Amino acid sequence: MQEFKNDITLFIKCDNIVKSFNEKASAMREQRDSYSVRIMSFMQQNDMNETKLQLPRYNSTLKMGNHMTQESISYQFLYKTFLEYFRDEKQAEQLLLYIKEKRKKEPKCVLVRNILKEK
Protein backbone atom coordinates (compact mmCIF):
# COMPACT_ATOMS: atom_id res chain seq x y z
CA MET A 1 0.00 0.00 0.00
CA GLN A 2 2.86 2.39 0.81
CA GLU A 3 4.41 1.76 -2.61
CA PHE A 4 1.03 2.56 -4.21
CA LYS A 5 0.86 5.88 -2.33
CA ASN A 6 4.45 6.69 -3.32
CA ASP A 7 3.66 5.94 -6.96
CA ILE A 8 0.70 8.33 -6.83
CA THR A 9 2.87 11.06 -5.31
CA LEU A 10 5.59 10.53 -7.93
CA PHE A 11 3.01 10.46 -10.74
CA ILE A 12 1.58 13.80 -9.62
CA LYS A 13 5.06 15.34 -9.27
CA CYS A 14 5.99 14.15 -12.77
CA ASP A 15 2.68 15.40 -14.16
CA ASN A 16 3.26 18.82 -12.58
CA ILE A 17 6.76 19.01 -14.10
CA VAL A 18 5.48 18.00 -17.55
CA LYS A 19 2.73 20.64 -17.37
CA SER A 20 5.24 23.27 -16.27
CA PHE A 21 7.67 22.38 -19.10
CA ASN A 22 4.85 22.48 -21.65
CA GLU A 23 3.74 25.92 -20.45
CA LYS A 24 7.32 27.22 -20.52
CA ALA A 25 7.95 25.71 -23.97
CA SER A 26 4.77 27.31 -25.31
CA ALA A 27 5.78 30.70 -23.92
CA MET A 28 9.29 30.34 -25.38
CA ARG A 29 7.89 29.42 -28.82
CA GLU A 30 5.73 32.56 -28.75
CA GLN A 31 8.72 34.68 -27.73
CA ARG A 32 10.92 33.06 -30.41
CA ASP A 33 8.25 33.70 -33.06
CA SER A 34 8.04 37.34 -32.01
CA TYR A 35 11.82 37.75 -32.37
CA SER A 36 11.69 35.92 -35.68
CA VAL A 37 9.14 38.37 -37.08
CA ARG A 38 11.22 41.35 -35.94
CA ILE A 39 14.48 39.92 -37.31
CA MET A 40 12.94 39.03 -40.68
CA SER A 41 11.31 42.44 -40.92
CA PHE A 42 14.69 44.11 -40.34
CA MET A 43 16.37 41.83 -42.88
CA GLN A 44 13.72 42.53 -45.51
CA GLN A 45 13.86 46.28 -44.95
CA ASN A 46 17.66 46.19 -45.31
CA ASP A 47 17.73 43.96 -48.40
CA MET A 48 19.26 41.04 -46.49
CA ASN A 49 16.88 38.35 -47.79
CA GLU A 50 19.75 36.24 -49.17
CA THR A 51 22.24 37.04 -46.40
CA LYS A 52 23.57 34.23 -44.24
CA LEU A 53 24.57 35.60 -40.85
CA GLN A 54 27.59 33.86 -39.30
CA LEU A 55 27.23 33.55 -35.53
CA PRO A 56 30.38 31.75 -34.30
CA ARG A 57 29.65 32.66 -30.68
CA TYR A 58 26.54 30.46 -30.91
CA ASN A 59 28.11 27.96 -33.34
CA SER A 60 25.30 28.86 -35.76
CA THR A 61 24.27 30.59 -38.92
CA LEU A 62 21.02 32.41 -39.48
CA LYS A 63 19.28 33.12 -42.76
CA MET A 64 15.79 33.65 -44.10
CA GLY A 65 14.21 30.68 -45.78
CA ASN A 66 10.88 29.47 -47.08
CA HIS A 67 9.02 26.44 -45.83
CA MET A 68 5.86 25.02 -47.29
CA THR A 69 3.11 24.30 -44.79
CA GLN A 70 0.11 22.17 -45.54
CA GLU A 71 -3.41 22.11 -44.23
CA SER A 72 -4.04 19.14 -41.96
CA ILE A 73 -6.03 16.25 -43.36
CA SER A 74 -9.23 16.54 -41.36
CA TYR A 75 -12.57 14.88 -41.99
CA GLN A 76 -13.91 18.24 -43.16
CA PHE A 77 -11.04 18.57 -45.66
CA LEU A 78 -11.56 15.02 -46.90
CA TYR A 79 -15.29 15.53 -47.31
CA LYS A 80 -14.83 18.74 -49.32
CA THR A 81 -12.18 17.05 -51.47
CA PHE A 82 -14.35 13.98 -52.11
CA LEU A 83 -17.31 16.20 -52.94
CA GLU A 84 -15.18 18.11 -55.44
CA TYR A 85 -13.84 14.88 -56.96
CA PHE A 86 -17.08 12.88 -57.16
CA ARG A 87 -19.44 15.84 -57.60
CA ASP A 88 -21.90 13.70 -55.66
CA GLU A 89 -22.70 14.33 -52.01
CA LYS A 90 -23.78 10.75 -51.34
CA GLN A 91 -20.58 9.22 -52.74
CA ALA A 92 -18.47 11.73 -50.79
CA GLU A 93 -20.29 10.84 -47.55
CA GLN A 94 -20.00 7.10 -48.21
CA LEU A 95 -16.28 7.25 -48.82
CA LEU A 96 -15.74 9.39 -45.72
CA LEU A 97 -17.78 6.95 -43.60
CA TYR A 98 -15.81 4.05 -45.07
CA ILE A 99 -12.51 5.71 -44.11
CA LYS A 100 -13.79 6.48 -40.59
CA GLU A 101 -14.88 2.87 -40.10
CA LYS A 102 -11.59 1.45 -41.40
CA ARG A 103 -9.36 3.46 -39.07
CA LYS A 104 -7.55 1.27 -36.58
CA LYS A 105 -8.95 1.66 -33.08
CA GLU A 106 -7.27 0.30 -29.99
CA PRO A 107 -8.52 0.72 -26.45
CA LYS A 108 -5.91 2.09 -24.13
CA CYS A 109 -6.22 2.37 -20.39
CA VAL A 110 -4.85 5.68 -19.11
CA LEU A 111 -4.67 7.51 -15.83
CA VAL A 112 -6.54 10.81 -16.02
CA ARG A 113 -5.75 13.57 -13.58
CA ASN A 114 -8.16 16.43 -12.95
CA ILE A 115 -6.87 19.34 -10.92
CA LEU A 116 -9.60 20.51 -8.59
CA LYS A 117 -10.22 24.21 -8.28
CA GLU A 118 -9.81 25.68 -4.84
CA LYS A 119 -12.95 27.16 -3.28
C-alpha atoms as a PDB file:
ATOM      1  CA  MET A   1       0.000   0.000   0.000  1.00  0.00           C
ATOM      2  CA  GLN A   2       2.856   2.389   0.810  1.00  0.00           C
ATOM      3  CA  GLU A   3       4.408   1.764  -2.610  1.00  0.00           C
ATOM      4  CA  PHE A   4       1.035   2.557  -4.211  1.00  0.00           C
ATOM      5  CA  LYS A   5       0.861   5.880  -2.332  1.00  0.00           C
ATOM      6  CA  ASN A   6       4.451   6.694  -3.321  1.00  0.00           C
ATOM      7  CA  ASP A   7       3.665   5.937  -6.964  1.00  0.00           C
ATOM      8  CA  ILE A   8       0.698   8.327  -6.830  1.00  0.00           C
ATOM      9  CA  THR A   9       2.868  11.056  -5.310  1.00  0.00           C
ATOM     10  CA  LEU A  10       5.586  10.533  -7.927  1.00  0.00           C
ATOM     11  CA  PHE A  11       3.015  10.460 -10.744  1.00  0.00           C
ATOM     12  CA  ILE A  12       1.582  13.802  -9.622  1.00  0.00           C
ATOM     13  CA  LYS A  13       5.064  15.343  -9.266  1.00  0.00           C
ATOM     14  CA  CYS A  14       5.986  14.154 -12.775  1.00  0.00           C
ATOM     15  CA  ASP A  15       2.684  15.396 -14.161  1.00  0.00           C
ATOM     16  CA  ASN A  16       3.264  18.815 -12.585  1.00  0.00           C
ATOM     17  CA  ILE A  17       6.760  19.005 -14.095  1.00  0.00           C
ATOM     18  CA  VAL A  18       5.480  18.003 -17.549  1.00  0.00           C
ATOM     19  CA  LYS A  19       2.726  20.638 -17.370  1.00  0.00           C
ATOM     20  CA  SER A  20       5.243  23.268 -16.274  1.00  0.00           C
ATOM     21  CA  PHE A  21       7.669  22.377 -19.105  1.00  0.00           C
ATOM     22  CA  ASN A  22       4.848  22.480 -21.649  1.00  0.00           C
ATOM     23  CA  GLU A  23       3.737  25.917 -20.451  1.00  0.00           C
ATOM     24  CA  LYS A  24       7.319  27.223 -20.524  1.00  0.00           C
ATOM     25  CA  ALA A  25       7.947  25.712 -23.967  1.00  0.00           C
ATOM     26  CA  SER A  26       4.766  27.315 -25.308  1.00  0.00           C
ATOM     27  CA  ALA A  27       5.781  30.704 -23.923  1.00  0.00           C
ATOM     28  CA  MET A  28       9.292  30.335 -25.376  1.00  0.00           C
ATOM     29  CA  ARG A  29       7.887  29.419 -28.818  1.00  0.00           C
ATOM     30  CA  GLU A  30       5.727  32.559 -28.754  1.00  0.00           C
ATOM     31  CA  GLN A  31       8.720  34.677 -27.730  1.00  0.00           C
ATOM     32  CA  ARG A  32      10.925  33.063 -30.413  1.00  0.00           C
ATOM     33  CA  ASP A  33       8.248  33.698 -33.056  1.00  0.00           C
ATOM     34  CA  SER A  34       8.044  37.343 -32.014  1.00  0.00           C
ATOM     35  CA  TYR A  35      11.820  37.750 -32.366  1.00  0.00           C
ATOM     36  CA  SER A  36      11.694  35.919 -35.677  1.00  0.00           C
ATOM     37  CA  VAL A  37       9.141  38.369 -37.078  1.00  0.00           C
ATOM     38  CA  ARG A  38      11.223  41.348 -35.940  1.00  0.00           C
ATOM     39  CA  ILE A  39      14.485  39.915 -37.309  1.00  0.00           C
ATOM     40  CA  MET A  40      12.941  39.030 -40.684  1.00  0.00           C
ATOM     41  CA  SER A  41      11.311  42.443 -40.917  1.00  0.00           C
ATOM     42  CA  PHE A  42      14.687  44.110 -40.340  1.00  0.00           C
ATOM     43  CA  MET A  43      16.372  41.833 -42.876  1.00  0.00           C
ATOM     44  CA  GLN A  44      13.718  42.534 -45.514  1.00  0.00           C
ATOM     45  CA  GLN A  45      13.865  46.285 -44.949  1.00  0.00           C
ATOM     46  CA  ASN A  46      17.656  46.191 -45.312  1.00  0.00           C
ATOM     47  CA  ASP A  47      17.731  43.956 -48.396  1.00  0.00           C
ATOM     48  CA  MET A  48      19.256  41.042 -46.494  1.00  0.00           C
ATOM     49  CA  ASN A  49      16.875  38.354 -47.793  1.00  0.00           C
ATOM     50  CA  GLU A  50      19.747  36.241 -49.169  1.00  0.00           C
ATOM     51  CA  THR A  51      22.236  37.042 -46.399  1.00  0.00           C
ATOM     52  CA  LYS A  52      23.569  34.232 -44.241  1.00  0.00           C
ATOM     53  CA  LEU A  53      24.567  35.601 -40.854  1.00  0.00           C
ATOM     54  CA  GLN A  54      27.589  33.861 -39.298  1.00  0.00           C
ATOM     55  CA  LEU A  55      27.232  33.553 -35.526  1.00  0.00           C
ATOM     56  CA  PRO A  56      30.381  31.754 -34.298  1.00  0.00           C
ATOM     57  CA  ARG A  57      29.653  32.663 -30.682  1.00  0.00           C
ATOM     58  CA  TYR A  58      26.544  30.459 -30.911  1.00  0.00           C
ATOM     59  CA  ASN A  59      28.107  27.963 -33.339  1.00  0.00           C
ATOM     60  CA  SER A  60      25.305  28.855 -35.756  1.00  0.00           C
ATOM     61  CA  THR A  61      24.272  30.585 -38.923  1.00  0.00           C
ATOM     62  CA  LEU A  62      21.024  32.414 -39.480  1.00  0.00           C
ATOM     63  CA  LYS A  63      19.277  33.124 -42.757  1.00  0.00           C
ATOM     64  CA  MET A  64      15.794  33.653 -44.096  1.00  0.00           C
ATOM     65  CA  GLY A  65      14.206  30.678 -45.780  1.00  0.00           C
ATOM     66  CA  ASN A  66      10.884  29.473 -47.080  1.00  0.00           C
ATOM     67  CA  HIS A  67       9.017  26.444 -45.828  1.00  0.00           C
ATOM     68  CA  MET A  68       5.860  25.018 -47.287  1.00  0.00           C
ATOM     69  CA  THR A  69       3.106  24.301 -44.793  1.00  0.00           C
ATOM     70  CA  GLN A  70       0.107  22.168 -45.541  1.00  0.00           C
ATOM     71  CA  GLU A  71      -3.408  22.107 -44.226  1.00  0.00           C
ATOM     72  CA  SER A  72      -4.044  19.144 -41.960  1.00  0.00           C
ATOM     73  CA  ILE A  73      -6.034  16.255 -43.356  1.00  0.00           C
ATOM     74  CA  SER A  74      -9.232  16.539 -41.356  1.00  0.00           C
ATOM     75  CA  TYR A  75     -12.572  14.885 -41.994  1.00  0.00           C
ATOM     76  CA  GLN A  76     -13.910  18.243 -43.162  1.00  0.00           C
ATOM     77  CA  PHE A  77     -11.045  18.575 -45.664  1.00  0.00           C
ATOM     78  CA  LEU A  78     -11.556  15.020 -46.899  1.00  0.00           C
ATOM     79  CA  TYR A  79     -15.292  15.528 -47.312  1.00  0.00           C
ATOM     80  CA  LYS A  80     -14.828  18.740 -49.319  1.00  0.00           C
ATOM     81  CA  THR A  81     -12.182  17.049 -51.474  1.00  0.00           C
ATOM     82  CA  PHE A  82     -14.346  13.979 -52.110  1.00  0.00           C
ATOM     83  CA  LEU A  83     -17.309  16.196 -52.941  1.00  0.00           C
ATOM     84  CA  GLU A  84     -15.180  18.107 -55.443  1.00  0.00           C
ATOM     85  CA  TYR A  85     -13.836  14.884 -56.956  1.00  0.00           C
ATOM     86  CA  PHE A  86     -17.081  12.880 -57.161  1.00  0.00           C
ATOM     87  CA  ARG A  87     -19.437  15.837 -57.601  1.00  0.00           C
ATOM     88  CA  ASP A  88     -21.899  13.701 -55.658  1.00  0.00           C
ATOM     89  CA  GLU A  89     -22.697  14.334 -52.009  1.00  0.00           C
ATOM     90  CA  LYS A  90     -23.784  10.752 -51.341  1.00  0.00           C
ATOM     91  CA  GLN A  91     -20.577   9.218 -52.738  1.00  0.00           C
ATOM     92  CA  ALA A  92     -18.470  11.725 -50.787  1.00  0.00           C
ATOM     93  CA  GLU A  93     -20.288  10.844 -47.553  1.00  0.00           C
ATOM     94  CA  GLN A  94     -20.003   7.100 -48.208  1.00  0.00           C
ATOM     95  CA  LEU A  95     -16.276   7.251 -48.817  1.00  0.00           C
ATOM     96  CA  LEU A  96     -15.744   9.391 -45.717  1.00  0.00           C
ATOM     97  CA  LEU A  97     -17.776   6.946 -43.602  1.00  0.00           C
ATOM     98  CA  TYR A  98     -15.810   4.047 -45.069  1.00  0.00           C
ATOM     99  CA  ILE A  99     -12.515   5.713 -44.107  1.00  0.00           C
ATOM    100  CA  LYS A 100     -13.793   6.478 -40.591  1.00  0.00           C
ATOM    101  CA  GLU A 101     -14.882   2.871 -40.101  1.00  0.00           C
ATOM    102  CA  LYS A 102     -11.587   1.448 -41.403  1.00  0.00           C
ATOM    103  CA  ARG A 103      -9.360   3.458 -39.073  1.00  0.00           C
ATOM    104  CA  LYS A 104      -7.551   1.272 -36.585  1.00  0.00           C
ATOM    105  CA  LYS A 105      -8.946   1.664 -33.083  1.00  0.00           C
ATOM    106  CA  GLU A 106      -7.271   0.301 -29.994  1.00  0.00           C
ATOM    107  CA  PRO A 107      -8.524   0.718 -26.454  1.00  0.00           C
ATOM    108  CA  LYS A 108      -5.906   2.092 -24.126  1.00  0.00           C
ATOM    109  CA  CYS A 109      -6.223   2.371 -20.388  1.00  0.00           C
ATOM    110  CA  VAL A 110      -4.848   5.678 -19.113  1.00  0.00           C
ATOM    111  CA  LEU A 111      -4.666   7.506 -15.827  1.00  0.00           C
ATOM    112  CA  VAL A 112      -6.543  10.807 -16.020  1.00  0.00           C
ATOM    113  CA  ARG A 113      -5.754  13.569 -13.576  1.00  0.00           C
ATOM    114  CA  ASN A 114      -8.155  16.433 -12.952  1.00  0.00           C
ATOM    115  CA  ILE A 115      -6.871  19.337 -10.919  1.00  0.00           C
ATOM    116  CA  LEU A 116      -9.600  20.514  -8.588  1.00  0.00           C
ATOM    117  CA  LYS A 117     -10.223  24.214  -8.284  1.00  0.00           C
ATOM    118  CA  GLU A 118      -9.814  25.683  -4.840  1.00  0.00           C
ATOM    119  CA  LYS A 119     -12.950  27.160  -3.284  1.00  0.00           C
END
